[in-house]
């Protein structure tokens, strides 16, 4: 008797519109839109030209953390350069 095939369960991802991301993360709508346009923040656009963006909450949060770490490192470099002057 063959073993039962294991089925993969797909867990639903939490997706936000830009307005929902603004409320959840406390970032301005302008910053989110600019980040999406510049390719910093990952998002998918649905509904054609006048559609809306959907943002994967987990991926967006990870991106924010990476950007925060990058900003800290850049600030430290700036402080070290300032001390040398």
Protein backbone atom coordinates (compact mmCIF):
# COMPACT_ATOMS: atom_id res chain seq x y z
CA UNK A 1 0.00 0.00 0.00
CA UNK A 2 1.61 3.31 -1.05
CA UNK A 3 2.14 5.98 1.55
CA UNK A 4 -0.27 8.86 1.50
CA UNK A 5 1.12 11.71 -0.48
CA UNK A 6 1.99 14.64 1.69
CA UNK A 7 0.20 17.76 0.63
CA UNK A 8 1.89 21.08 1.01
CA UNK A 9 -0.14 23.61 2.87
CA UNK A 10 0.06 27.13 1.59
CA UNK A 11 -0.03 29.71 4.32
CA UNK A 12 -1.70 32.95 3.29
CA UNK A 13 0.52 36.00 3.28
CA UNK A 14 -0.61 39.22 4.79
CA UNK A 15 -0.79 41.78 2.03
CA UNK A 16 -1.28 45.51 2.58
CA UNK A 17 -2.38 48.31 0.33
CA UNK A 18 -0.21 51.40 0.59
CA UNK A 19 -2.75 53.04 2.91
CA UNK A 20 -2.78 49.98 5.19
CA UNK A 21 1.03 49.92 5.24
CA UNK A 22 1.04 53.59 6.25
CA UNK A 23 -1.14 52.80 9.26
CA UNK A 24 0.68 49.60 10.20
CA UNK A 25 4.30 50.75 9.82
CA UNK A 26 3.93 54.48 10.49
CA UNK A 27 5.68 55.50 7.29
CA UNK A 28 4.33 58.24 5.07
CA UNK A 29 2.46 57.36 1.90
CA UNK A 30 4.91 59.47 -0.08
CA UNK A 31 7.91 57.54 1.29
CA UNK A 32 6.33 54.19 0.50
CA UNK A 33 5.36 55.24 -3.03
CA UNK A 34 8.83 56.65 -3.73
CA UNK A 35 10.45 53.50 -2.31
CA UNK A 36 8.32 51.34 -4.59
CA UNK A 37 9.14 53.48 -7.64
CA UNK A 38 12.87 53.36 -6.83
CA UNK A 39 12.78 49.59 -6.33
CA UNK A 40 13.63 49.81 -2.63
CA UNK A 41 10.33 48.41 -1.40
CA UNK A 42 8.94 45.30 -3.07
CA UNK A 43 5.32 45.49 -4.21
CA UNK A 44 3.06 44.13 -6.91
CA UNK A 45 0.61 46.20 -8.88
CA UNK A 46 -2.81 44.78 -9.60
CA UNK A 47 -5.62 46.20 -11.70
CA UNK A 48 -3.73 47.72 -14.60
CA UNK A 49 -2.57 51.29 -15.05
CA UNK A 50 -4.92 52.78 -12.46
CA UNK A 51 -4.71 49.76 -10.18
CA UNK A 52 -3.23 49.58 -6.72
CA UNK A 53 -0.09 48.21 -5.15
CA UNK A 54 -0.07 45.27 -2.77
CA UNK A 55 2.78 44.94 -0.30
CA UNK A 56 3.80 41.68 1.36
CA UNK A 57 3.92 42.68 5.04
CA UNK A 58 6.70 40.27 6.03
CA UNK A 59 8.93 41.16 3.09
CA UNK A 60 8.32 44.89 3.58
CA UNK A 61 9.27 44.65 7.25
CA UNK A 62 12.46 42.76 6.37
CA UNK A 63 13.34 45.43 3.84
CA UNK A 64 12.81 48.15 6.45
CA UNK A 65 15.18 46.37 8.82
CA UNK A 66 17.84 46.06 6.13
CA UNK A 67 17.48 49.75 5.29
CA UNK A 68 17.72 50.68 8.98
CA UNK A 69 20.94 48.69 9.37
CA UNK A 70 22.34 50.32 6.23
CA UNK A 71 21.50 53.78 7.61
CA UNK A 72 23.20 52.99 10.92
CA UNK A 73 26.36 51.87 9.14
CA UNK A 74 26.38 54.98 6.94
CA UNK A 75 25.91 57.24 9.96
CA UNK A 76 28.80 55.57 11.76
CA UNK A 77 31.05 56.07 8.74
CA UNK A 78 30.06 59.74 8.63
CA UNK A 79 30.84 60.16 12.32
CA UNK A 80 34.26 58.55 11.88
CA UNK A 81 35.07 60.80 8.93
CA UNK A 82 33.91 63.83 10.91
CA UNK A 83 36.21 62.93 13.83
CA UNK A 84 39.23 62.79 11.51
CA UNK A 85 38.75 66.38 10.38
